[in-house]
Amino acid sequence: MFVILDADRDGAVLLDGARRTYRGVRRDAGVVWEDRSAAGTAAMVTCLATCPDAAVSAGIESLSSPAVPDPDPAAWIGGQLRPLAVALAHKRQILTASGPDDYVLATGDPNGGWRLELQGRGRPVTALAVGGFRTSWQESADGTHALAITIVPGAAGNEARWFSRTAGAWRMTGAMSRVTGFLACVAPDGSRAVLLGQRPALLDRAGGVLSVTDLVTGGACALGAGGGLIVELAQTGEGTSRSRVRAVDSTGATRWRRDLAHAADVVADPTGSRVGYLADGVLHVLDATTGTELRTIADVTAARYDAAGDLVVADRSGTVRWLADDGP
């Protein structure tokens, strides 16, 4: 099993589930780093300004409990693992980073409360108080818009905050809103996001929430320039996997449907109208509006679009390739 954790036009970070390792792959040079320790603890990995340079922080144990401190954050830069000089604290999860001195940090402790720290290069730290220790971060493909969702134990909904990146720093934009769910995907222009979990919904930057599709739950999603896909994953009584895929437009209207007899993941082109679902080792690329199948690519175990609109795919051997629109 392979998962593409992050990718851009320069490289990718890949999880090799069978070997329990993370790999940093340069587009022009192949594998340049491997990290078994981070993969063994299910650490969070996010690319820096260019992949496969990446920040590594937190882990499954510390992500599951406010009482467990995070390990020291580190970064793979130029194929070398280096410590990240963030302030000492009980929790120190890197949500996003462009470099060692340009990042968003989820930090704090059970007694002093929780906060997000926005550190821009050469700028003072901006701290935002949040209601819990666990925050997800979903960015637009070009890295200029983001949605952060903080789990608030015992509250009527989690905290959702929109951010934009201008002049080399992240800033919160608009007011905090309450949402259900914890995971989401953000549209390329940052105008909206699909909220996953029970009853998938479309969230706009003003905090408006609109229920979308007939799906009971949303397990994965992807939003592109021309529309997006939401998938519901389930097990049948016989133990086999199945999926229900729905295509939505910018208003949340359902454009077309696919019900599949396999587990599926979904992708969307941030520069155009292509979307795709990956099921049973085959990537199906379709028109977001009509559902017309444009292309099928066999021997694919993981896929995503980069910000330039190229498909990044991994095959059964873990080889990563970048495919242009007219590629093989």
C-alpha atoms as a PDB file:
ATOM      1  CA  MET A   1       0.000   0.000   0.000  1.00  0.00           C
ATOM      2  CA  PHE A   2       1.275   3.444  -0.948  1.00  0.00           C
ATOM      3  CA  VAL A   3      -0.118   6.884  -0.090  1.00  0.00           C
ATOM      4  CA  ILE A   4       1.061  10.173  -1.598  1.00  0.00           C
ATOM      5  CA  LEU A   5       1.087  12.429   1.470  1.00  0.00           C
ATOM      6  CA  ASP A   6       2.074  15.601  -0.377  1.00  0.00           C
ATOM      7  CA  ALA A   7       3.336  16.536  -3.824  1.00  0.00           C
ATOM      8  CA  ASP A   8       4.175  19.461  -6.087  1.00  0.00           C
ATOM      9  CA  ARG A   9       5.927  19.905  -9.428  1.00  0.00           C
ATOM     10  CA  ASP A  10       9.345  19.301  -7.804  1.00  0.00           C
ATOM     11  CA  GLY A  11       8.768  16.190  -5.697  1.00  0.00           C
ATOM     12  CA  ALA A  12       6.555  14.123  -3.430  1.00  0.00           C
ATOM     13  CA  VAL A  13       6.402  12.488  -0.019  1.00  0.00           C
ATOM     14  CA  LEU A  14       5.221   8.882  -0.119  1.00  0.00           C
ATOM     15  CA  LEU A  15       4.111   6.465   2.598  1.00  0.00           C
ATOM     16  CA  ASP A  16       5.158   2.880   1.931  1.00  0.00           C
ATOM     17  CA  GLY A  17       2.713   0.993   4.143  1.00  0.00           C
ATOM     18  CA  ALA A  18       4.276  -2.432   3.614  1.00  0.00           C
ATOM     19  CA  ARG A  19       7.769  -1.304   4.630  1.00  0.00           C
ATOM     20  CA  ARG A  20       6.453   1.252   7.147  1.00  0.00           C
ATOM     21  CA  THR A  21       8.587   4.091   5.860  1.00  0.00           C
ATOM     22  CA  TYR A  22       8.194   7.613   4.511  1.00  0.00           C
ATOM     23  CA  ARG A  23      10.075   8.450   1.309  1.00  0.00           C
ATOM     24  CA  GLY A  24      11.040  11.826  -0.078  1.00  0.00           C
ATOM     25  CA  VAL A  25      11.047  11.625  -3.887  1.00  0.00           C
ATOM     26  CA  ARG A  26      12.541  14.276  -6.146  1.00  0.00           C
ATOM     27  CA  ARG A  27      11.022  14.440  -9.586  1.00  0.00           C
ATOM     28  CA  ASP A  28      14.435  14.616 -11.253  1.00  0.00           C
ATOM     29  CA  ALA A  29      16.400  12.357  -8.895  1.00  0.00           C
ATOM     30  CA  GLY A  30      14.147   9.708  -7.354  1.00  0.00           C
ATOM     31  CA  VAL A  31      14.250   8.837  -3.652  1.00  0.00           C
ATOM     32  CA  VAL A  32      16.442  11.290  -1.685  1.00  0.00           C
ATOM     33  CA  TRP A  33      15.429  10.411   1.878  1.00  0.00           C
ATOM     34  CA  GLU A  34      13.654   7.686   3.871  1.00  0.00           C
ATOM     35  CA  ASP A  35      12.338   7.870   7.426  1.00  0.00           C
ATOM     36  CA  ARG A  36      11.280   4.648   9.158  1.00  0.00           C
ATOM     37  CA  SER A  37      11.147   6.208  12.612  1.00  0.00           C
ATOM     38  CA  ALA A  38       8.602   8.870  11.652  1.00  0.00           C
ATOM     39  CA  ALA A  39       6.464   6.376   9.747  1.00  0.00           C
ATOM     40  CA  GLY A  40       6.586   3.957  12.674  1.00  0.00           C
ATOM     41  CA  THR A  41       5.024   6.573  14.947  1.00  0.00           C
ATOM     42  CA  ALA A  42       2.598   7.808  12.248  1.00  0.00           C
ATOM     43  CA  ALA A  43       4.123  11.290  12.448  1.00  0.00           C
ATOM     44  CA  MET A  44       2.528  14.110  10.482  1.00  0.00           C
ATOM     45  CA  VAL A  45       4.459  15.155   7.367  1.00  0.00           C
ATOM     46  CA  THR A  46       3.958  18.292   5.274  1.00  0.00           C
ATOM     47  CA  CYS A  47       6.144  19.578   2.450  1.00  0.00           C
ATOM     48  CA  LEU A  48       8.047  22.826   2.916  1.00  0.00           C
ATOM     49  CA  ALA A  49       8.196  25.420   0.128  1.00  0.00           C
ATOM     50  CA  THR A  50       9.085  22.636  -2.314  1.00  0.00           C
ATOM     51  CA  CYS A  51       8.732  18.869  -2.019  1.00  0.00           C
ATOM     52  CA  PRO A  52      10.297  16.603  -0.942  1.00  0.00           C
ATOM     53  CA  ASP A  53      11.747  18.929   1.727  1.00  0.00           C
ATOM     54  CA  ALA A  54       9.296  18.344   4.550  1.00  0.00           C
ATOM     55  CA  ALA A  55       8.474  19.040   8.189  1.00  0.00           C
ATOM     56  CA  VAL A  56       7.891  16.063  10.519  1.00  0.00           C
ATOM     57  CA  SER A  57       6.057  16.438  13.829  1.00  0.00           C
ATOM     58  CA  ALA A  58       3.707  14.821  16.366  1.00  0.00           C
ATOM     59  CA  GLY A  59       2.723  11.157  16.128  1.00  0.00           C
ATOM     60  CA  ILE A  60      -0.157   8.791  16.761  1.00  0.00           C
ATOM     61  CA  GLU A  61       0.300   8.691  20.550  1.00  0.00           C
ATOM     62  CA  SER A  62       0.547  12.443  21.054  1.00  0.00           C
ATOM     63  CA  LEU A  63      -2.210  13.129  18.521  1.00  0.00           C
ATOM     64  CA  SER A  64      -4.549  10.901  20.531  1.00  0.00           C
ATOM     65  CA  SER A  65      -4.091  12.495  23.965  1.00  0.00           C
ATOM     66  CA  PRO A  66      -3.671  16.024  25.337  1.00  0.00           C
ATOM     67  CA  ALA A  67      -1.516  14.584  28.141  1.00  0.00           C
ATOM     68  CA  VAL A  68       1.158  13.078  25.848  1.00  0.00           C
ATOM     69  CA  PRO A  69       3.797  15.605  24.752  1.00  0.00           C
ATOM     70  CA  ASP A  70       4.745  15.902  21.096  1.00  0.00           C
ATOM     71  CA  PRO A  71       8.223  14.781  20.032  1.00  0.00           C
ATOM     72  CA  ASP A  72      10.669  17.427  18.844  1.00  0.00           C
ATOM     73  CA  PRO A  73       9.706  18.642  15.346  1.00  0.00           C
ATOM     74  CA  ALA A  74      12.261  18.072  12.599  1.00  0.00           C
ATOM     75  CA  ALA A  75      12.627  18.684   8.873  1.00  0.00           C
ATOM     76  CA  TRP A  76      14.094  16.870   5.903  1.00  0.00           C
ATOM     77  CA  ILE A  77      15.991  19.513   3.926  1.00  0.00           C
ATOM     78  CA  GLY A  78      18.245  18.608   1.025  1.00  0.00           C
ATOM     79  CA  GLY A  79      18.028  14.945   2.002  1.00  0.00           C
ATOM     80  CA  GLN A  80      19.226  15.586   5.572  1.00  0.00           C
ATOM     81  CA  LEU A  81      17.139  15.421   8.764  1.00  0.00           C
ATOM     82  CA  ARG A  82      17.519  18.567  10.872  1.00  0.00           C
ATOM     83  CA  PRO A  83      15.853  19.757  14.106  1.00  0.00           C
ATOM     84  CA  LEU A  84      13.317  22.556  13.832  1.00  0.00           C
ATOM     85  CA  ALA A  85      13.955  25.367  16.298  1.00  0.00           C
ATOM     86  CA  VAL A  86      10.423  25.984  17.549  1.00  0.00           C
ATOM     87  CA  ALA A  87       9.699  27.161  21.079  1.00  0.00           C
ATOM     88  CA  LEU A  88       9.677  24.533  23.824  1.00  0.00           C
ATOM     89  CA  ALA A  89       6.123  23.485  24.694  1.00  0.00           C
ATOM     90  CA  HIS A  90       4.058  20.457  25.651  1.00  0.00           C
ATOM     91  CA  LYS A  91       2.422  20.289  22.202  1.00  0.00           C
ATOM     92  CA  ARG A  92       4.303  21.267  19.039  1.00  0.00           C
ATOM     93  CA  GLN A  93       2.617  20.039  15.879  1.00  0.00           C
ATOM     94  CA  ILE A  94       3.614  21.679  12.602  1.00  0.00           C
ATOM     95  CA  LEU A  95       0.405  22.223  10.621  1.00  0.00           C
ATOM     96  CA  THR A  96       2.097  23.820   7.621  1.00  0.00           C
ATOM     97  CA  ALA A  97       5.567  25.214   6.906  1.00  0.00           C
ATOM     98  CA  SER A  98       7.477  26.889   4.094  1.00  0.00           C
ATOM     99  CA  GLY A  99      10.801  26.744   5.938  1.00  0.00           C
ATOM    100  CA  PRO A 100      12.411  26.491   9.384  1.00  0.00           C
ATOM    101  CA  ASP A 101      11.282  30.019  10.332  1.00  0.00           C
ATOM    102  CA  ASP A 102       7.961  30.140   8.467  1.00  0.00           C
ATOM    103  CA  TYR A 103       5.225  27.879   9.848  1.00  0.00           C
ATOM    104  CA  VAL A 104       1.924  27.419  11.670  1.00  0.00           C
ATOM    105  CA  LEU A 105       2.236  25.562  14.970  1.00  0.00           C
ATOM    106  CA  ALA A 106      -0.495  23.937  17.101  1.00  0.00           C
ATOM    107  CA  THR A 107       0.865  24.287  20.619  1.00  0.00           C
ATOM    108  CA  GLY A 108       0.090  24.798  24.319  1.00  0.00           C
ATOM    109  CA  ASP A 109      -0.531  22.595  27.352  1.00  0.00           C
ATOM    110  CA  PRO A 110      -3.502  21.313  29.401  1.00  0.00           C
ATOM    111  CA  ASN A 111      -3.036  23.947  32.114  1.00  0.00           C
ATOM    112  CA  GLY A 112      -2.222  26.989  30.004  1.00  0.00           C
ATOM    113  CA  GLY A 113      -4.638  26.368  27.152  1.00  0.00           C
ATOM    114  CA  TRP A 114      -4.187  25.749  23.438  1.00  0.00           C
ATOM    115  CA  ARG A 115      -3.249  28.094  20.623  1.00  0.00           C
ATOM    116  CA  LEU A 116      -2.082  28.363  17.045  1.00  0.00           C
ATOM    117  CA  GLU A 117       1.163  30.254  16.481  1.00  0.00           C
ATOM    118  CA  LEU A 118       1.691  31.853  13.078  1.00  0.00           C
ATOM    119  CA  GLN A 119       5.381  32.446  12.452  1.00  0.00           C
ATOM    120  CA  GLY A 120       6.300  34.359   9.301  1.00  0.00           C
ATOM    121  CA  ARG A 121       9.890  34.820   8.220  1.00  0.00           C
ATOM    122  CA  GLY A 122      11.325  37.846  10.012  1.00  0.00           C
ATOM    123  CA  ARG A 123       7.988  38.645  11.671  1.00  0.00           C
ATOM    124  CA  PRO A 124       6.769  38.477  15.271  1.00  0.00           C
ATOM    125  CA  VAL A 125       4.688  35.435  16.222  1.00  0.00           C
ATOM    126  CA  THR A 126       0.917  35.817  16.049  1.00  0.00           C
ATOM    127  CA  ALA A 127      -0.901  33.645  18.613  1.00  0.00           C
ATOM    128  CA  LEU A 128      -4.567  32.620  18.352  1.00  0.00           C
ATOM    129  CA  ALA A 129      -6.310  30.924  21.269  1.00  0.00           C
ATOM    130  CA  VAL A 130      -8.246  27.781  20.250  1.00  0.00           C
ATOM    131  CA  GLY A 131     -10.553  25.447  22.137  1.00  0.00           C
ATOM    132  CA  GLY A 132      -8.575  22.199  21.959  1.00  0.00           C
ATOM    133  CA  PHE A 133      -5.189  20.590  21.332  1.00  0.00           C
ATOM    134  CA  ARG A 134      -6.078  18.857  18.045  1.00  0.00           C
ATOM    135  CA  THR A 135      -6.337  20.991  14.907  1.00  0.00           C
ATOM    136  CA  SER A 136      -6.495  19.879  11.287  1.00  0.00           C
ATOM    137  CA  TRP A 137      -5.173  22.064   8.470  1.00  0.00           C
ATOM    138  CA  GLN A 138      -6.319  21.863   4.856  1.00  0.00           C
ATOM    139  CA  GLU A 139      -4.761  24.120   2.200  1.00  0.00           C
ATOM    140  CA  SER A 140      -5.707  25.098  -1.321  1.00  0.00           C
ATOM    141  CA  ALA A 141      -3.481  23.559  -3.977  1.00  0.00           C
ATOM    142  CA  ASP A 142      -1.380  26.709  -4.392  1.00  0.00           C
ATOM    143  CA  GLY A 143      -0.835  27.134  -0.639  1.00  0.00           C
ATOM    144  CA  THR A 144      -2.489  30.554  -0.358  1.00  0.00           C
ATOM    145  CA  HIS A 145      -5.729  29.627   1.445  1.00  0.00           C
ATOM    146  CA  ALA A 146      -6.393  27.253   4.342  1.00  0.00           C
ATOM    147  CA  LEU A 147      -9.083  25.990   6.675  1.00  0.00           C
ATOM    148  CA  ALA A 148      -8.180  24.987  10.247  1.00  0.00           C
ATOM    149  CA  ILE A 149     -10.640  22.928  12.304  1.00  0.00           C
ATOM    150  CA  THR A 150     -10.060  22.479  16.041  1.00  0.00           C
ATOM    151  CA  ILE A 151     -11.778  19.712  17.994  1.00  0.00           C
ATOM    152  CA  VAL A 152     -13.433  21.200  21.092  1.00  0.00           C
ATOM    153  CA  PRO A 153     -14.301  18.454  23.617  1.00  0.00           C
ATOM    154  CA  GLY A 154     -17.806  18.754  24.999  1.00  0.00           C
ATOM    155  CA  ALA A 155     -18.772  21.690  22.790  1.00  0.00           C
ATOM    156  CA  ALA A 156     -21.633  21.923  20.316  1.00  0.00           C
ATOM    157  CA  GLY A 157     -19.425  21.776  17.266  1.00  0.00           C
ATOM    158  CA  ASN A 158     -15.773  22.264  16.427  1.00  0.00           C
ATOM    159  CA  GLU A 159     -14.055  25.574  15.638  1.00  0.00           C
ATOM    160  CA  ALA A 160     -13.417  26.408  11.968  1.00  0.00           C
ATOM    161  CA  ARG A 161     -11.101  29.264  10.986  1.00  0.00           C
ATOM    162  CA  TRP A 162     -10.156  30.470   7.507  1.00  0.00           C
ATOM    163  CA  PHE A 163      -6.647  31.713   6.729  1.00  0.00           C
ATOM    164  CA  SER A 164      -4.986  33.391   3.772  1.00  0.00           C
ATOM    165  CA  ARG A 165      -1.298  33.779   3.005  1.00  0.00           C
ATOM    166  CA  THR A 166      -0.231  37.265   1.914  1.00  0.00           C
ATOM    167  CA  ALA A 167       3.146  39.008   1.966  1.00  0.00           C
ATOM    168  CA  GLY A 168       4.837  35.800   3.118  1.00  0.00           C
ATOM    169  CA  ALA A 169       2.714  35.163   6.219  1.00  0.00           C
ATOM    170  CA  TRP A 170      -0.501  33.415   7.237  1.00  0.00           C
ATOM    171  CA  ARG A 171      -3.348  35.540   8.626  1.00  0.00           C
ATOM    172  CA  MET A 172      -6.774  34.565   9.920  1.00  0.00           C
ATOM    173  CA  THR A 173      -9.559  35.998   7.744  1.00  0.00           C
ATOM    174  CA  GLY A 174     -13.105  36.383   8.996  1.00  0.00           C
ATOM    175  CA  ALA A 175     -14.663  35.069  12.172  1.00  0.00           C
ATOM    176  CA  MET A 176     -14.535  31.634  13.748  1.00  0.00           C
ATOM    177  CA  SER A 177     -17.546  29.425  12.992  1.00  0.00           C
ATOM    178  CA  ARG A 178     -18.882  26.176  14.472  1.00  0.00           C
ATOM    179  CA  VAL A 179     -18.929  23.040  12.329  1.00  0.00           C
ATOM    180  CA  THR A 180     -19.305  19.309  12.683  1.00  0.00           C
ATOM    181  CA  GLY A 181     -16.496  17.083  11.482  1.00  0.00           C
ATOM    182  CA  PHE A 182     -12.741  17.519  11.529  1.00  0.00           C
ATOM    183  CA  LEU A 183     -11.501  16.910   7.980  1.00  0.00           C
ATOM    184  CA  ALA A 184     -12.202  18.834   4.790  1.00  0.00           C
ATOM    185  CA  CYS A 185     -10.912  19.747   1.346  1.00  0.00           C
ATOM    186  CA  VAL A 186     -10.474  23.350   0.170  1.00  0.00           C
ATOM    187  CA  ALA A 187     -11.336  24.768  -3.246  1.00  0.00           C
ATOM    188  CA  PRO A 188      -8.428  26.111  -5.338  1.00  0.00           C
ATOM    189  CA  ASP A 189      -9.592  29.715  -4.904  1.00  0.00           C
ATOM    190  CA  GLY A 190     -10.203  29.299  -1.161  1.00  0.00           C
ATOM    191  CA  SER A 191     -13.846  30.339  -1.449  1.00  0.00           C
ATOM    192  CA  ARG A 192     -15.314  27.170   0.061  1.00  0.00           C
ATOM    193  CA  ALA A 193     -14.570  23.762   1.488  1.00  0.00           C
ATOM    194  CA  VAL A 194     -16.291  20.402   1.709  1.00  0.00           C
ATOM    195  CA  LEU A 195     -16.686  19.231   5.316  1.00  0.00           C
ATOM    196  CA  LEU A 196     -16.386  15.464   5.738  1.00  0.00           C
ATOM    197  CA  GLY A 197     -18.036  13.265   8.356  1.00  0.00           C
ATOM    198  CA  GLN A 198     -21.764  12.845   8.922  1.00  0.00           C
ATOM    199  CA  ARG A 199     -23.785  14.472   6.136  1.00  0.00           C
ATOM    200  CA  PRO A 200     -21.102  16.146   3.975  1.00  0.00           C
ATOM    201  CA  ALA A 201     -21.554  19.899   3.729  1.00  0.00           C
ATOM    202  CA  LEU A 202     -20.200  22.906   1.855  1.00  0.00           C
ATOM    203  CA  LEU A 203     -18.689  25.632   4.075  1.00  0.00           C
ATOM    204  CA  ASP A 204     -18.124  29.148   2.721  1.00  0.00           C
ATOM    205  CA  ARG A 205     -15.788  31.784   4.117  1.00  0.00           C
ATOM    206  CA  ALA A 206     -18.641  33.615   5.836  1.00  0.00           C
ATOM    207  CA  GLY A 207     -19.403  30.493   7.872  1.00  0.00           C
ATOM    208  CA  GLY A 208     -22.433  29.408   5.849  1.00  0.00           C
ATOM    209  CA  VAL A 209     -22.985  25.635   5.808  1.00  0.00           C
ATOM    210  CA  LEU A 210     -24.975  23.829   3.097  1.00  0.00           C
ATOM    211  CA  SER A 211     -25.690  20.097   3.205  1.00  0.00           C
ATOM    212  CA  VAL A 212     -24.746  18.444  -0.105  1.00  0.00           C
ATOM    213  CA  THR A 213     -25.388  15.121  -1.890  1.00  0.00           C
ATOM    214  CA  ASP A 214     -27.392  12.140  -0.693  1.00  0.00           C
ATOM    215  CA  LEU A 215     -24.389  10.599   1.093  1.00  0.00           C
ATOM    216  CA  VAL A 216     -24.781   9.663   4.739  1.00  0.00           C
ATOM    217  CA  THR A 217     -21.066  10.117   5.449  1.00  0.00           C
ATOM    218  CA  GLY A 218     -18.131  11.646   3.632  1.00  0.00           C
ATOM    219  CA  GLY A 219     -14.884   9.697   3.816  1.00  0.00           C
ATOM    220  CA  ALA A 220     -12.769  11.595   1.269  1.00  0.00           C
ATOM    221  CA  CYS A 221     -13.117  14.546  -1.081  1.00  0.00           C
ATOM    222  CA  ALA A 222     -11.278  16.653  -3.639  1.00  0.00           C
ATOM    223  CA  LEU A 223     -12.196  20.070  -5.075  1.00  0.00           C
ATOM    224  CA  GLY A 224     -10.888  21.387  -8.390  1.00  0.00           C
ATOM    225  CA  ALA A 225     -11.462  24.470 -10.507  1.00  0.00           C
ATOM    226  CA  GLY A 226     -14.385  22.862 -12.334  1.00  0.00           C
ATOM    227  CA  GLY A 227     -16.008  20.921  -9.498  1.00  0.00           C
ATOM    228  CA  GLY A 228     -15.215  18.176  -7.079  1.00  0.00           C
ATOM    229  CA  LEU A 229     -15.869  14.671  -5.810  1.00  0.00           C
ATOM    230  CA  ILE A 230     -17.057  13.322  -2.465  1.00  0.00           C
ATOM    231  CA  VAL A 231     -16.910   9.616  -1.650  1.00  0.00           C
ATOM    232  CA  GLU A 232     -18.658   7.514   0.969  1.00  0.00           C
ATOM    233  CA  LEU A 233     -16.788   4.352   1.983  1.00  0.00           C
ATOM    234  CA  ALA A 234     -18.514   1.323   3.458  1.00  0.00           C
ATOM    235  CA  GLN A 235     -18.222  -2.414   4.083  1.00  0.00           C
ATOM    236  CA  THR A 236     -20.850  -4.886   2.926  1.00  0.00           C
ATOM    237  CA  GLY A 237     -22.122  -7.683   5.138  1.00  0.00           C
ATOM    238  CA  GLU A 238     -19.704 -10.039   3.382  1.00  0.00           C
ATOM    239  CA  GLY A 239     -16.727  -7.885   4.382  1.00  0.00           C
ATOM    240  CA  THR A 240     -16.044  -6.448   0.926  1.00  0.00           C
ATOM    241  CA  SER A 241     -15.575  -2.730   0.320  1.00  0.00           C
ATOM    242  CA  ARG A 242     -17.820  -0.467  -1.705  1.00  0.00           C
ATOM    243  CA  SER A 243     -17.971   3.256  -2.460  1.00  0.00           C
ATOM    244  CA  ARG A 244     -20.503   5.845  -3.526  1.00  0.00           C
ATOM    245  CA  VAL A 245     -18.961   8.743  -5.470  1.00  0.00           C
ATOM    246  CA  ARG A 246     -20.777  12.032  -6.066  1.00  0.00           C
ATOM    247  CA  ALA A 247     -19.662  14.937  -8.284  1.00  0.00           C
ATOM    248  CA  VAL A 248     -20.609  18.421  -7.041  1.00  0.00           C
ATOM    249  CA  ASP A 249     -20.314  21.865  -8.601  1.00  0.00           C
ATOM    250  CA  SER A 250     -19.402  25.144  -6.897  1.00  0.00           C
ATOM    251  CA  THR A 251     -22.961  25.584  -5.611  1.00  0.00           C
ATOM    252  CA  GLY A 252     -23.041  22.115  -4.044  1.00  0.00           C
ATOM    253  CA  ALA A 253     -25.419  20.671  -6.661  1.00  0.00           C
ATOM    254  CA  THR A 254     -24.829  17.022  -7.562  1.00  0.00           C
ATOM    255  CA  ARG A 255     -23.812  16.657 -11.215  1.00  0.00           C
ATOM    256  CA  TRP A 256     -23.428  12.878 -11.496  1.00  0.00           C
ATOM    257  CA  ARG A 257     -23.063   9.687  -9.446  1.00  0.00           C
ATOM    258  CA  ARG A 258     -21.022   6.488  -9.442  1.00  0.00           C
ATOM    259  CA  ASP A 259     -21.617   3.495  -7.150  1.00  0.00           C
ATOM    260  CA  LEU A 260     -18.587   1.183  -7.050  1.00  0.00           C
ATOM    261  CA  ALA A 261     -17.906  -2.325  -5.770  1.00  0.00           C
ATOM    262  CA  HIS A 262     -14.470  -1.290  -4.479  1.00  0.00           C
ATOM    263  CA  ALA A 263     -12.961   1.192  -2.033  1.00  0.00           C
ATOM    264  CA  ALA A 264     -12.179   4.440  -3.821  1.00  0.00           C
ATOM    265  CA  ASP A 265     -10.094   7.571  -3.389  1.00  0.00           C
ATOM    266  CA  VAL A 266     -10.718  10.783  -5.324  1.00  0.00           C
ATOM    267  CA  VAL A 267      -8.685  13.568  -6.968  1.00  0.00           C
ATOM    268  CA  ALA A 268      -9.472  16.890  -8.668  1.00  0.00           C
ATOM    269  CA  ASP A 269      -7.502  19.183 -10.969  1.00  0.00           C
ATOM    270  CA  PRO A 270      -7.019  22.626  -9.351  1.00  0.00           C
ATOM    271  CA  THR A 271      -6.462  24.190 -12.786  1.00  0.00           C
ATOM    272  CA  GLY A 272      -9.322  22.661 -14.803  1.00  0.00           C
ATOM    273  CA  SER A 273     -12.414  20.503 -15.005  1.00  0.00           C
ATOM    274  CA  ARG A 274     -10.874  17.045 -14.568  1.00  0.00           C
ATOM    275  CA  VAL A 275     -11.678  14.865 -11.580  1.00  0.00           C
ATOM    276  CA  GLY A 276     -10.933  11.232 -10.934  1.00  0.00           C
ATOM    277  CA  TYR A 277     -11.538   8.234  -8.740  1.00  0.00           C
ATOM    278  CA  LEU A 278      -9.046   5.480  -7.987  1.00  0.00           C
ATOM    279  CA  ALA A 279     -10.531   2.019  -7.444  1.00  0.00           C
ATOM    280  CA  ASP A 280      -9.095  -1.496  -7.747  1.00  0.00           C
ATOM    281  CA  GLY A 281      -5.757  -0.222  -9.072  1.00  0.00           C
ATOM    282  CA  VAL A 282      -7.225   1.866 -11.918  1.00  0.00           C
ATOM    283  CA  LEU A 283      -7.485   5.668 -11.997  1.00  0.00           C
ATOM    284  CA  HIS A 284     -10.536   6.914 -13.912  1.00  0.00           C
ATOM    285  CA  VAL A 285     -10.264  10.535 -15.075  1.00  0.00           C
ATOM    286  CA  LEU A 286     -13.589  12.189 -15.877  1.00  0.00           C
ATOM    287  CA  ASP A 287     -15.137  15.523 -16.785  1.00  0.00           C
ATOM    288  CA  ALA A 288     -16.334  17.159 -13.580  1.00  0.00           C
ATOM    289  CA  THR A 289     -19.557  18.453 -15.148  1.00  0.00           C
ATOM    290  CA  THR A 290     -20.734  15.629 -17.385  1.00  0.00           C
ATOM    291  CA  GLY A 291     -19.064  12.548 -15.900  1.00  0.00           C
ATOM    292  CA  THR A 292     -17.660  11.621 -19.318  1.00  0.00           C
ATOM    293  CA  GLU A 293     -14.641   9.360 -18.875  1.00  0.00           C
ATOM    294  CA  LEU A 294     -11.595  11.020 -20.426  1.00  0.00           C
ATOM    295  CA  ARG A 295      -8.832   8.599 -19.559  1.00  0.00           C
ATOM    296  CA  THR A 296      -8.017   5.467 -17.557  1.00  0.00           C
ATOM    297  CA  ILE A 297      -4.597   4.726 -16.073  1.00  0.00           C
ATOM    298  CA  ALA A 298      -3.819   1.196 -14.887  1.00  0.00           C
ATOM    299  CA  ASP A 299      -1.400   0.086 -12.138  1.00  0.00           C
ATOM    300  CA  VAL A 300      -2.042   3.045  -9.845  1.00  0.00           C
ATOM    301  CA  THR A 301      -2.010   2.662  -6.061  1.00  0.00           C
ATOM    302  CA  ALA A 302      -2.025   6.373  -5.153  1.00  0.00           C
ATOM    303  CA  ALA A 303      -2.754   9.600  -7.022  1.00  0.00           C
ATOM    304  CA  ARG A 304      -3.209  13.327  -6.613  1.00  0.00           C
ATOM    305  CA  TYR A 305      -2.997  16.473  -8.742  1.00  0.00           C
ATOM    306  CA  ASP A 306      -0.261  18.996  -8.079  1.00  0.00           C
ATOM    307  CA  ALA A 307      -0.855  22.752  -8.190  1.00  0.00           C
ATOM    308  CA  ALA A 308       0.219  22.905 -11.850  1.00  0.00           C
ATOM    309  CA  GLY A 309      -2.492  20.433 -12.885  1.00  0.00           C
ATOM    310  CA  ASP A 310      -0.237  17.423 -13.473  1.00  0.00           C
ATOM    311  CA  LEU A 311      -1.243  14.030 -12.135  1.00  0.00           C
ATOM    312  CA  VAL A 312       1.160  12.534  -9.621  1.00  0.00           C
ATOM    313  CA  VAL A 313       0.745   8.748  -9.438  1.00  0.00           C
ATOM    314  CA  ALA A 314       2.466   5.851  -7.682  1.00  0.00           C
ATOM    315  CA  ASP A 315       2.382   2.328  -9.089  1.00  0.00           C
ATOM    316  CA  ARG A 316       2.496  -1.047  -7.310  1.00  0.00           C
ATOM    317  CA  SER A 317       6.292  -0.847  -6.996  1.00  0.00           C
ATOM    318  CA  GLY A 318       6.143   2.608  -5.371  1.00  0.00           C
ATOM    319  CA  THR A 319       7.551   4.414  -8.405  1.00  0.00           C
ATOM    320  CA  VAL A 320       6.223   7.978  -8.579  1.00  0.00           C
ATOM    321  CA  ARG A 321       5.467   9.636 -11.918  1.00  0.00           C
ATOM    322  CA  TRP A 322       4.156  13.037 -13.037  1.00  0.00           C
ATOM    323  CA  LEU A 323       1.697  12.841 -15.935  1.00  0.00           C
ATOM    324  CA  ALA A 324       0.675  15.848 -18.016  1.00  0.00           C
ATOM    325  CA  ASP A 325      -2.864  16.088 -19.402  1.00  0.00           C
ATOM    326  CA  ASP A 326      -1.778  14.381 -22.617  1.00  0.00           C
ATOM    327  CA  GLY A 327       0.649  11.994 -20.898  1.00  0.00           C
ATOM    328  CA  PRO A 328       0.620   8.189 -21.163  1.00  0.00           C
END
